[in-house]
Amino acid sequence: EAEELWEAAPKLLGLSGQKLCDLLHVLGAARAFRYHRRVAEEVAKSLVISRNEYSRELQLWPQTLPLVCEYLAWHLDDSHLMSSFLTSVLVPFWRLHPAAVQGALVPHHAMAVSSACARVGKKVPLEVLQ
């Protein structure tokens, strides 16, 4: 049950990047889960507030941000929070670690980020996609 999984999950940023992605994947697959918006908001806020503390984990698992983008694109209604996540977490990380990002980025990751950007009228940074 997705609700039980969510309630049992430790503090979000206490999870590794891989475990965070796994959690969002399982929750995302549970279409009847009634807390998607709450989870999306908590994930985005946590990463915006604690981006420096979570940076090392993102370096270890650089596909975390595209997979978070996918979940947020589906479930985050707050366009200001989405924009803040993209501009203060995703873009700076991608600019600081282009080799790691390019090494881990696959087409569906680029599509997920593009979807999140489109939600707030932004474009994917071209230097990352090259």
Foldseek 3Di string as FASTA:
>chain_A
DLVVVVVPDDQLLVDALVVNLVNLVVNVVPPPDPCLQVVLLSVLVVCLVCVVVSLVSCLVPVLSVLSNLLSCLPHHPDLVSLVSSCVRHVPVSCVVCLVSLLVPDDVVSLVSNQSSQVVNVHGDPVVSVD
